[in-house]
Amino acid sequence: QRCHYTFRFIRDYSGGQTTNWGAHYLDIAQW
């Protein structure tokens, strides 16, 4: 669970869906 896709749900490696999908849809808001 520390590897591959699920690394993104551990704060040592990622910010969860906020930085996963948020990087997409917040970016469209910025645009």
Full PDB file with SEQRES, HELIX, SHEET, SSBOND, CRYST1, ORIGX, SCALE, CONECT and MASTER records, all heavy atoms in Angstrom:
SEQRES   1 A   31  GLN ARG CYS HIS TYR THR PHE ARG PHE ILE ARG ASP TYR          
SEQRES   2 A   31  SER GLY GLY GLN THR THR ASN TRP GLY ALA HIS TYR LEU          
SEQRES   3 A   31  ASP ILE ALA GLN TRP                                          
HELIX    1 AA1 HIS A    4  PHE A    9  5                                   6    
HELIX    2 AA2 GLN A   17  ASN A   20  1                                   4    
HELIX    3 AA3 GLY A   22  GLN A   30  1                                   9    
CRYST1    1.000    1.000    1.000  90.00  90.00  90.00 P 1           1          
ORIGX1      1.000000  0.000000  0.000000        0.00000                         
ORIGX2      0.000000  1.000000  0.000000        0.00000                         
ORIGX3      0.000000  0.000000  1.000000        0.00000                         
SCALE1      1.000000  0.000000  0.000000        0.00000                         
SCALE2      0.000000  1.000000  0.000000        0.00000                         
SCALE3      0.000000  0.000000  1.000000        0.00000                         
ATOM      1  N   GLN A   1       0.799  -1.220   0.000  1.00  0.00           N  
ATOM      2  CA  GLN A   1       0.000   0.000   0.000  1.00  0.00           C  
ATOM      3  C   GLN A   1       0.833   1.273   0.000  1.00  0.00           C  
ATOM      4  O   GLN A   1       0.310   2.363  -0.212  1.00  0.00           O  
ATOM      5  CB  GLN A   1      -0.956  -0.020   1.197  1.00  0.00           C  
ATOM      6  CG  GLN A   1      -2.058  -1.055   1.006  1.00  0.00           C  
ATOM      7  CD  GLN A   1      -2.725  -1.429   2.309  1.00  0.00           C  
ATOM      8  OE1 GLN A   1      -2.104  -1.423   3.364  1.00  0.00           O  
ATOM      9  NE2 GLN A   1      -4.000  -1.755   2.241  1.00  0.00           N  
ATOM     10  N   ARG A   2       2.127   1.147   0.222  1.00  0.00           N  
ATOM     11  CA  ARG A   2       3.008   2.307   0.108  1.00  0.00           C  
ATOM     12  C   ARG A   2       3.486   2.514  -1.331  1.00  0.00           C  
ATOM     13  O   ARG A   2       4.228   3.463  -1.603  1.00  0.00           O  
ATOM     14  CB  ARG A   2       4.220   2.165   1.033  1.00  0.00           C  
ATOM     15  CG  ARG A   2       3.887   2.249   2.505  1.00  0.00           C  
ATOM     16  CD  ARG A   2       5.140   2.294   3.357  1.00  0.00           C  
ATOM     17  NE  ARG A   2       4.788   2.344   4.770  1.00  0.00           N  
ATOM     18  CZ  ARG A   2       4.470   3.451   5.430  1.00  0.00           C  
ATOM     19  NH1 ARG A   2       4.482   4.613   4.809  1.00  0.00           N  
ATOM     20  NH2 ARG A   2       4.149   3.415   6.705  1.00  0.00           N  
ATOM     21  N   CYS A   3       3.076   1.638  -2.213  1.00  0.00           N  
ATOM     22  CA  CYS A   3       3.615   1.647  -3.568  1.00  0.00           C  
ATOM     23  C   CYS A   3       2.523   1.882  -4.601  1.00  0.00           C  
ATOM     24  O   CYS A   3       1.335   1.852  -4.309  1.00  0.00           O  
ATOM     25  CB  CYS A   3       4.304   0.312  -3.853  1.00  0.00           C  
ATOM     26  SG  CYS A   3       5.493  -0.166  -2.588  1.00  0.00           S  
ATOM     27  N   HIS A   4       2.968   2.114  -5.832  1.00  0.00           N  
ATOM     28  CA  HIS A   4       2.056   2.210  -6.968  1.00  0.00           C  
ATOM     29  C   HIS A   4       0.934   3.213  -6.676  1.00  0.00           C  
ATOM     30  O   HIS A   4       1.170   4.250  -6.078  1.00  0.00           O  
ATOM     31  CB  HIS A   4       1.546   0.817  -7.345  1.00  0.00           C  
ATOM     32  CG  HIS A   4       2.669  -0.163  -7.506  1.00  0.00           C  
ATOM     33  ND1 HIS A   4       3.669   0.008  -8.433  1.00  0.00           N  
ATOM     34  CD2 HIS A   4       2.973  -1.291  -6.827  1.00  0.00           C  
ATOM     35  CE1 HIS A   4       4.540  -0.989  -8.333  1.00  0.00           C  
ATOM     36  NE2 HIS A   4       4.146  -1.773  -7.364  1.00  0.00           N  
ATOM     37  N   TYR A   5      -0.292   2.934  -7.018  1.00  0.00           N  
ATOM     38  CA  TYR A   5      -1.344   3.950  -6.936  1.00  0.00           C  
ATOM     39  C   TYR A   5      -1.626   4.427  -5.513  1.00  0.00           C  
ATOM     40  O   TYR A   5      -1.859   5.617  -5.279  1.00  0.00           O  
ATOM     41  CB  TYR A   5      -2.638   3.398  -7.554  1.00  0.00           C  
ATOM     42  CG  TYR A   5      -3.744   4.418  -7.608  1.00  0.00           C  
ATOM     43  CD1 TYR A   5      -3.821   5.347  -8.642  1.00  0.00           C  
ATOM     44  CD2 TYR A   5      -4.710   4.478  -6.601  1.00  0.00           C  
ATOM     45  CE1 TYR A   5      -4.828   6.304  -8.683  1.00  0.00           C  
ATOM     46  CE2 TYR A   5      -5.718   5.423  -6.635  1.00  0.00           C  
ATOM     47  CZ  TYR A   5      -5.770   6.338  -7.681  1.00  0.00           C  
ATOM     48  OH  TYR A   5      -6.767   7.280  -7.704  1.00  0.00           O  
ATOM     49  N   THR A   6      -1.616   3.511  -4.551  1.00  0.00           N  
ATOM     50  CA  THR A   6      -2.072   3.871  -3.209  1.00  0.00           C  
ATOM     51  C   THR A   6      -1.067   4.690  -2.405  1.00  0.00           C  
ATOM     52  O   THR A   6      -1.386   5.129  -1.294  1.00  0.00           O  
ATOM     53  CB  THR A   6      -2.459   2.608  -2.415  1.00  0.00           C  
ATOM     54  OG1 THR A   6      -1.420   1.641  -2.536  1.00  0.00           O  
ATOM     55  CG2 THR A   6      -3.756   2.026  -2.949  1.00  0.00           C  
ATOM     56  N   PHE A   7       0.123   4.932  -2.935  1.00  0.00           N  
ATOM     57  CA  PHE A   7       1.050   5.829  -2.233  1.00  0.00           C  
ATOM     58  C   PHE A   7       0.400   7.193  -2.004  1.00  0.00           C  
ATOM     59  O   PHE A   7       0.722   7.905  -1.053  1.00  0.00           O  
ATOM     60  CB  PHE A   7       2.347   6.012  -3.028  1.00  0.00           C  
ATOM     61  CG  PHE A   7       2.197   6.917  -4.239  1.00  0.00           C  
ATOM     62  CD1 PHE A   7       2.282   8.291  -4.117  1.00  0.00           C  
ATOM     63  CD2 PHE A   7       1.969   6.381  -5.497  1.00  0.00           C  
ATOM     64  CE1 PHE A   7       2.129   9.125  -5.222  1.00  0.00           C  
ATOM     65  CE2 PHE A   7       1.819   7.199  -6.602  1.00  0.00           C  
ATOM     66  CZ  PHE A   7       1.899   8.579  -6.464  1.00  0.00           C  
ATOM     67  N   ARG A   8      -0.535   7.571  -2.881  1.00  0.00           N  
ATOM     68  CA  ARG A   8      -1.091   8.924  -2.828  1.00  0.00           C  
ATOM     69  C   ARG A   8      -2.015   9.137  -1.629  1.00  0.00           C  
ATOM     70  O   ARG A   8      -2.437  10.266  -1.368  1.00  0.00           O  
ATOM     71  CB  ARG A   8      -1.826   9.249  -4.122  1.00  0.00           C  
ATOM     72  CG  ARG A   8      -3.098   8.516  -4.363  1.00  0.00           C  
ATOM     73  CD  ARG A   8      -3.714   8.954  -5.697  1.00  0.00           C  
ATOM     74  NE  ARG A   8      -2.907   8.590  -6.852  1.00  0.00           N  
ATOM     75  CZ  ARG A   8      -2.144   9.446  -7.527  1.00  0.00           C  
ATOM     76  NH1 ARG A   8      -2.069  10.705  -7.152  1.00  0.00           N  
ATOM     77  NH2 ARG A   8      -1.440   9.042  -8.561  1.00  0.00           N  
ATOM     78  N   PHE A   9      -2.326   8.080  -0.873  1.00  0.00           N  
ATOM     79  CA  PHE A   9      -3.172   8.243   0.302  1.00  0.00           C  
ATOM     80  C   PHE A   9      -2.359   8.247   1.601  1.00  0.00           C  
ATOM     81  O   PHE A   9      -2.912   8.090   2.689  1.00  0.00           O  
ATOM     82  CB  PHE A   9      -4.234   7.149   0.337  1.00  0.00           C  
ATOM     83  CG  PHE A   9      -5.112   7.170  -0.892  1.00  0.00           C  
ATOM     84  CD1 PHE A   9      -5.106   6.114  -1.782  1.00  0.00           C  
ATOM     85  CD2 PHE A   9      -5.908   8.267  -1.171  1.00  0.00           C  
ATOM     86  CE1 PHE A   9      -5.890   6.138  -2.924  1.00  0.00           C  
ATOM     87  CE2 PHE A   9      -6.696   8.309  -2.305  1.00  0.00           C  
ATOM     88  CZ  PHE A   9      -6.689   7.239  -3.189  1.00  0.00           C  
ATOM     89  N   ILE A  10      -1.047   8.443   1.477  1.00  0.00           N  
ATOM     90  CA  ILE A  10      -0.151   8.529   2.631  1.00  0.00           C  
ATOM     91  C   ILE A  10       0.581   9.865   2.548  1.00  0.00           C  
ATOM     92  O   ILE A  10       1.236  10.157   1.549  1.00  0.00           O  
ATOM     93  CB  ILE A  10       0.842   7.355   2.648  1.00  0.00           C  
ATOM     94  CG1 ILE A  10       0.072   6.025   2.692  1.00  0.00           C  
ATOM     95  CG2 ILE A  10       1.801   7.461   3.832  1.00  0.00           C  
ATOM     96  CD1 ILE A  10       0.954   4.809   2.518  1.00  0.00           C  
ATOM     97  N   ARG A  11       0.493  10.682   3.578  1.00  0.00           N  
ATOM     98  CA  ARG A  11       0.982  12.058   3.506  1.00  0.00           C  
ATOM     99  C   ARG A  11       2.489  12.159   3.333  1.00  0.00           C  
ATOM    100  O   ARG A  11       2.987  13.202   2.905  1.00  0.00           O  
ATOM    101  CB  ARG A  11       0.540  12.857   4.740  1.00  0.00           C  
ATOM    102  CG  ARG A  11      -0.960  13.154   4.755  1.00  0.00           C  
ATOM    103  CD  ARG A  11      -1.275  14.402   5.588  1.00  0.00           C  
ATOM    104  NE  ARG A  11      -0.836  14.287   6.965  1.00  0.00           N  
ATOM    105  CZ  ARG A  11      -1.594  13.822   7.946  1.00  0.00           C  
ATOM    106  NH1 ARG A  11      -2.824  13.400   7.704  1.00  0.00           N  
ATOM    107  NH2 ARG A  11      -1.141  13.773   9.174  1.00  0.00           N  
ATOM    108  N   ASP A  12       3.234  11.127   3.669  1.00  0.00           N  
ATOM    109  CA  ASP A  12       4.673  11.162   3.425  1.00  0.00           C  
ATOM    110  C   ASP A  12       4.980  11.257   1.932  1.00  0.00           C  
ATOM    111  O   ASP A  12       6.063  11.711   1.549  1.00  0.00           O  
ATOM    112  CB  ASP A  12       5.357   9.898   3.971  1.00  0.00           C  
ATOM    113  CG  ASP A  12       5.450   9.908   5.481  1.00  0.00           C  
ATOM    114  OD1 ASP A  12       5.355  10.997   6.084  1.00  0.00           O  
ATOM    115  OD2 ASP A  12       5.627   8.817   6.063  1.00  0.00           O  
ATOM    116  N   TYR A  13       4.029  10.818   1.101  1.00  0.00           N  
ATOM    117  CA  TYR A  13       4.290  10.724  -0.330  1.00  0.00           C  
ATOM    118  C   TYR A  13       3.376  11.595  -1.180  1.00  0.00           C  
ATOM    119  O   TYR A  13       3.716  11.917  -2.330  1.00  0.00           O  
ATOM    120  CB  TYR A  13       4.137   9.270  -0.802  1.00  0.00           C  
ATOM    121  CG  TYR A  13       4.729   8.257   0.135  1.00  0.00           C  
ATOM    122  CD1 TYR A  13       3.951   7.223   0.651  1.00  0.00           C  
ATOM    123  CD2 TYR A  13       6.070   8.340   0.535  1.00  0.00           C  
ATOM    124  CE1 TYR A  13       4.493   6.290   1.531  1.00  0.00           C  
ATOM    125  CE2 TYR A  13       6.613   7.416   1.411  1.00  0.00           C  
ATOM    126  CZ  TYR A  13       5.812   6.391   1.908  1.00  0.00           C  
ATOM    127  OH  TYR A  13       6.341   5.482   2.775  1.00  0.00           O  
ATOM    128  N   SER A  14       2.213  11.966  -0.677  1.00  0.00           N  
ATOM    129  CA  SER A  14       1.248  12.676  -1.511  1.00  0.00           C  
ATOM    130  C   SER A  14       0.192  13.357  -0.639  1.00  0.00           C  
ATOM    131  O   SER A  14       0.249  13.278   0.590  1.00  0.00           O  
ATOM    132  CB  SER A  14       0.582  11.688  -2.485  1.00  0.00           C  
ATOM    133  OG  SER A  14      -0.244  12.355  -3.405  1.00  0.00           O  
ATOM    134  N   GLY A  15      -0.779  14.009  -1.289  1.00  0.00           N  
ATOM    135  CA  GLY A  15      -1.807  14.735  -0.562  1.00  0.00           C  
ATOM    136  C   GLY A  15      -3.202  14.208  -0.791  1.00  0.00           C  
ATOM    137  O   GLY A  15      -4.177  14.936  -0.596  1.00  0.00           O  
ATOM    138  N   GLY A  16      -3.325  12.945  -1.216  1.00  0.00           N  
ATOM    139  CA  GLY A  16      -4.640  12.362  -1.427  1.00  0.00           C  
ATOM    140  C   GLY A  16      -5.327  12.937  -2.658  1.00  0.00           C  
ATOM    141  O   GLY A  16      -4.695  13.448  -3.576  1.00  0.00           O  
ATOM    142  N   GLN A  17      -6.651  12.867  -2.672  1.00  0.00           N  
ATOM    143  CA  GLN A  17      -7.394  13.345  -3.833  1.00  0.00           C  
ATOM    144  C   GLN A  17      -7.333  14.866  -3.982  1.00  0.00           C  
ATOM    145  O   GLN A  17      -7.568  15.391  -5.075  1.00  0.00           O  
ATOM    146  CB  GLN A  17      -8.862  12.901  -3.740  1.00  0.00           C  
ATOM    147  CG  GLN A  17      -9.074  11.395  -3.760  1.00  0.00           C  
ATOM    148  CD  GLN A  17      -8.716  10.766  -5.096  1.00  0.00           C  
ATOM    149  OE1 GLN A  17      -7.701  11.087  -5.714  1.00  0.00           O  
ATOM    150  NE2 GLN A  17      -9.568   9.845  -5.552  1.00  0.00           N  
ATOM    151  N   THR A  18      -6.992  15.579  -2.907  1.00  0.00           N  
ATOM    152  CA  THR A  18      -6.875  17.034  -3.007  1.00  0.00           C  
ATOM    153  C   THR A  18      -5.783  17.417  -3.992  1.00  0.00           C  
ATOM    154  O   THR A  18      -5.935  18.354  -4.779  1.00  0.00           O  
ATOM    155  CB  THR A  18      -6.575  17.660  -1.634  1.00  0.00           C  
ATOM    156  OG1 THR A  18      -7.554  17.205  -0.696  1.00  0.00           O  
ATOM    157  CG2 THR A  18      -6.602  19.174  -1.703  1.00  0.00           C  
ATOM    158  N   THR A  19      -4.665  16.705  -3.961  1.00  0.00           N  
ATOM    159  CA  THR A  19      -3.590  17.004  -4.909  1.00  0.00           C  
ATOM    160  C   THR A  19      -3.660  16.131  -6.155  1.00  0.00           C  
ATOM    161  O   THR A  19      -3.064  16.478  -7.173  1.00  0.00           O  
ATOM    162  CB  THR A  19      -2.213  16.832  -4.238  1.00  0.00           C  
ATOM    163  OG1 THR A  19      -2.115  15.522  -3.659  1.00  0.00           O  
ATOM    164  CG2 THR A  19      -2.011  17.868  -3.153  1.00  0.00           C  
ATOM    165  N   ASN A  20      -4.378  15.022  -6.080  1.00  0.00           N  
ATOM    166  CA  ASN A  20      -4.524  14.152  -7.253  1.00  0.00           C  
ATOM    167  C   ASN A  20      -5.514  14.776  -8.230  1.00  0.00           C  
ATOM    168  O   ASN A  20      -5.139  15.316  -9.271  1.00  0.00           O  
ATOM    169  CB  ASN A  20      -4.986  12.766  -6.804  1.00  0.00           C  
ATOM    170  CG  ASN A  20      -5.134  11.806  -7.971  1.00  0.00           C  
ATOM    171  OD1 ASN A  20      -4.447  11.929  -8.989  1.00  0.00           O  
ATOM    172  ND2 ASN A  20      -6.029  10.842  -7.843  1.00  0.00           N  
ATOM    173  N   TRP A  21      -6.805  14.758  -7.919  1.00  0.00           N  
ATOM    174  CA  TRP A  21      -7.814  15.361  -8.779  1.00  0.00           C  
ATOM    175  C   TRP A  21      -7.855  16.885  -8.634  1.00  0.00           C  
ATOM    176  O   TRP A  21      -8.198  17.603  -9.578  1.00  0.00           O  
ATOM    177  CB  TRP A  21      -9.183  14.764  -8.490  1.00  0.00           C  
ATOM    178  CG  TRP A  21      -9.360  13.436  -9.139  1.00  0.00           C  
ATOM    179  CD1 TRP A  21      -9.281  12.211  -8.545  1.00  0.00           C  
ATOM    180  CD2 TRP A  21      -9.625  13.194 -10.533  1.00  0.00           C  
ATOM    181  NE1 TRP A  21      -9.480  11.218  -9.481  1.00  0.00           N  
ATOM    182  CE2 TRP A  21      -9.696  11.801 -10.703  1.00  0.00           C  
ATOM    183  CE3 TRP A  21      -9.799  14.024 -11.629  1.00  0.00           C  
ATOM    184  CZ2 TRP A  21      -9.939  11.217 -11.930  1.00  0.00           C  
ATOM    185  CZ3 TRP A  21     -10.038  13.447 -12.870  1.00  0.00           C  
ATOM    186  CH2 TRP A  21     -10.104  12.055 -13.015  1.00  0.00           C  
ATOM    187  N   GLY A  22      -7.498  17.378  -7.466  1.00  0.00           N  
ATOM    188  CA  GLY A  22      -7.488  18.826  -7.292  1.00  0.00           C  
ATOM    189  C   GLY A  22      -6.520  19.517  -8.228  1.00  0.00           C  
ATOM    190  O   GLY A  22      -6.784  20.632  -8.711  1.00  0.00           O  
ATOM    191  N   ALA A  23      -5.393  18.876  -8.505  1.00  0.00           N  
ATOM    192  CA  ALA A  23      -4.427  19.455  -9.444  1.00  0.00           C  
ATOM    193  C   ALA A  23      -5.043  19.649 -10.816  1.00  0.00           C  
ATOM    194  O   ALA A  23      -4.613  20.520 -11.580  1.00  0.00           O  
ATOM    195  CB  ALA A  23      -3.197  18.562  -9.540  1.00  0.00           C  
ATOM    196  N   HIS A  24      -6.048  18.844 -11.159  1.00  0.00           N  
ATOM    197  CA  HIS A  24      -6.735  18.998 -12.444  1.00  0.00           C  
ATOM    198  C   HIS A  24      -7.810  20.083 -12.389  1.00  0.00           C  
ATOM    199  O   HIS A  24      -7.797  21.044 -13.171  1.00  0.00           O  
ATOM    200  CB  HIS A  24      -7.377  17.671 -12.854  1.00  0.00           C  
ATOM    201  CG  HIS A  24      -6.403  16.645 -13.330  1.00  0.00           C  
ATOM    202  ND1 HIS A  24      -5.564  16.854 -14.404  1.00  0.00           N  
ATOM    203  CD2 HIS A  24      -6.138  15.386 -12.885  1.00  0.00           C  
ATOM    204  CE1 HIS A  24      -4.826  15.774 -14.603  1.00  0.00           C  
ATOM    205  NE2 HIS A  24      -5.153  14.875 -13.690  1.00  0.00           N  
ATOM    206  N   TYR A  25      -8.760  19.924 -11.478  1.00  0.00           N  
ATOM    207  CA  TYR A  25      -9.932  20.797 -11.520  1.00  0.00           C  
ATOM    208  C   TYR A  25      -9.697  22.168 -10.903  1.00  0.00           C  
ATOM    209  O   TYR A  25     -10.325  23.155 -11.306  1.00  0.00           O  
ATOM    210  CB  TYR A  25     -11.137  20.088 -10.898  1.00  0.00           C  
ATOM    211  CG  TYR A  25     -11.668  19.029 -11.822  1.00  0.00           C  
ATOM    212  CD1 TYR A  25     -11.520  17.676 -11.546  1.00  0.00           C  
ATOM    213  CD2 TYR A  25     -12.292  19.396 -13.014  1.00  0.00           C  
ATOM    214  CE1 TYR A  25     -11.989  16.707 -12.433  1.00  0.00           C  
ATOM    215  CE2 TYR A  25     -12.757  18.436 -13.898  1.00  0.00           C  
ATOM    216  CZ  TYR A  25     -12.607  17.104 -13.606  1.00  0.00           C  
ATOM    217  OH  TYR A  25     -13.061  16.149 -14.495  1.00  0.00           O  
ATOM    218  N   LEU A  26      -8.795  22.284  -9.942  1.00  0.00           N  
ATOM    219  CA  LEU A  26      -8.397  23.603  -9.464  1.00  0.00           C  
ATOM    220  C   LEU A  26      -7.587  24.325 -10.541  1.00  0.00           C  
ATOM    221  O   LEU A  26      -7.655  25.555 -10.669  1.00  0.00           O  
ATOM    222  CB  LEU A  26      -7.603  23.485  -8.166  1.00  0.00           C  
ATOM    223  CG  LEU A  26      -8.409  23.043  -6.943  1.00  0.00           C  
ATOM    224  CD1 LEU A  26      -7.485  22.690  -5.783  1.00  0.00           C  
ATOM    225  CD2 LEU A  26      -9.400  24.125  -6.525  1.00  0.00           C  
ATOM    226  N   ASP A  27      -6.845  23.567 -11.328  1.00  0.00           N  
ATOM    227  CA  ASP A  27      -6.096  24.159 -12.432  1.00  0.00           C  
ATOM    228  C   ASP A  27      -7.041  24.759 -13.473  1.00  0.00           C  
ATOM    229  O   ASP A  27      -6.787  25.836 -14.016  1.00  0.00           O  
ATOM    230  CB  ASP A  27      -5.210  23.107 -13.081  1.00  0.00           C  
ATOM    231  CG  ASP A  27      -4.513  23.627 -14.332  1.00  0.00           C  
ATOM    232  OD1 ASP A  27      -3.764  24.613 -14.217  1.00  0.00           O  
ATOM    233  OD2 ASP A  27      -4.736  23.071 -15.430  1.00  0.00           O  
ATOM    234  N   ILE A  28      -8.147  24.064 -13.766  1.00  0.00           N  
ATOM    235  CA  ILE A  28      -9.116  24.604 -14.716  1.00  0.00           C  
ATOM    236  C   ILE A  28      -9.738  25.888 -14.173  1.00  0.00           C  
ATOM    237  O   ILE A  28      -9.990  26.846 -14.920  1.00  0.00           O  
ATOM    238  CB  ILE A  28     -10.199  23.557 -15.025  1.00  0.00           C  
ATOM    239  CG1 ILE A  28      -9.572  22.328 -15.705  1.00  0.00           C  
ATOM    240  CG2 ILE A  28     -11.302  24.154 -15.893  1.00  0.00           C  
ATOM    241  CD1 ILE A  28      -8.777  22.658 -16.968  1.00  0.00           C  
ATOM    242  N   ALA A  29      -9.950  25.950 -12.867  1.00  0.00           N  
ATOM    243  CA  ALA A  29     -10.446  27.178 -12.257  1.00  0.00           C  
ATOM    244  C   ALA A  29      -9.445  28.314 -12.460  1.00  0.00           C  
ATOM    245  O   ALA A  29      -9.814  29.436 -12.844  1.00  0.00           O  
ATOM    246  CB  ALA A  29     -10.721  26.971 -10.772  1.00  0.00           C  
ATOM    247  N   GLN A  30      -8.175  28.037 -12.228  1.00  0.00           N  
ATOM    248  CA  GLN A  30      -7.131  29.042 -12.437  1.00  0.00           C  
ATOM    249  C   GLN A  30      -7.127  29.523 -13.890  1.00  0.00           C  
ATOM    250  O   GLN A  30      -6.996  30.710 -14.183  1.00  0.00           O  
ATOM    251  CB  GLN A  30      -5.761  28.448 -12.094  1.00  0.00           C  
ATOM    252  CG  GLN A  30      -5.477  28.290 -10.613  1.00  0.00           C  
ATOM    253  CD  GLN A  30      -5.131  29.610  -9.959  1.00  0.00           C  
ATOM    254  OE1 GLN A  30      -5.891  30.120  -9.138  1.00  0.00           O  
ATOM    255  NE2 GLN A  30      -4.002  30.195 -10.330  1.00  0.00           N  
ATOM    256  N   TRP A  31      -7.262  28.570 -14.806  1.00  0.00           N  
ATOM    257  CA  TRP A  31      -7.233  28.879 -16.235  1.00  0.00           C  
ATOM    258  C   TRP A  31      -8.411  29.766 -16.624  1.00  0.00           C  
ATOM    259  O   TRP A  31      -8.266  30.788 -17.290  1.00  0.00           O  
ATOM    260  CB  TRP A  31      -7.257  27.561 -17.015  1.00  0.00           C  
ATOM    261  CG  TRP A  31      -6.854  27.674 -18.453  1.00  0.00           C  
ATOM    262  CD1 TRP A  31      -6.199  28.714 -19.058  1.00  0.00           C  
ATOM    263  CD2 TRP A  31      -7.062  26.674 -19.462  1.00  0.00           C  
ATOM    264  NE1 TRP A  31      -5.993  28.423 -20.385  1.00  0.00           N  
ATOM    265  CE2 TRP A  31      -6.505  27.199 -20.656  1.00  0.00           C  
ATOM    266  CE3 TRP A  31      -7.662  25.425 -19.468  1.00  0.00           C  
ATOM    267  CZ2 TRP A  31      -6.541  26.478 -21.855  1.00  0.00           C  
ATOM    268  CZ3 TRP A  31      -7.676  24.707 -20.655  1.00  0.00           C  
ATOM    269  CH2 TRP A  31      -7.127  25.222 -21.838  1.00  0.00           C  
TER     270      TRP A  31                                                      
MASTER        0    0    0    3    0    0    0    6  269    1    0    3          
END                                                                             
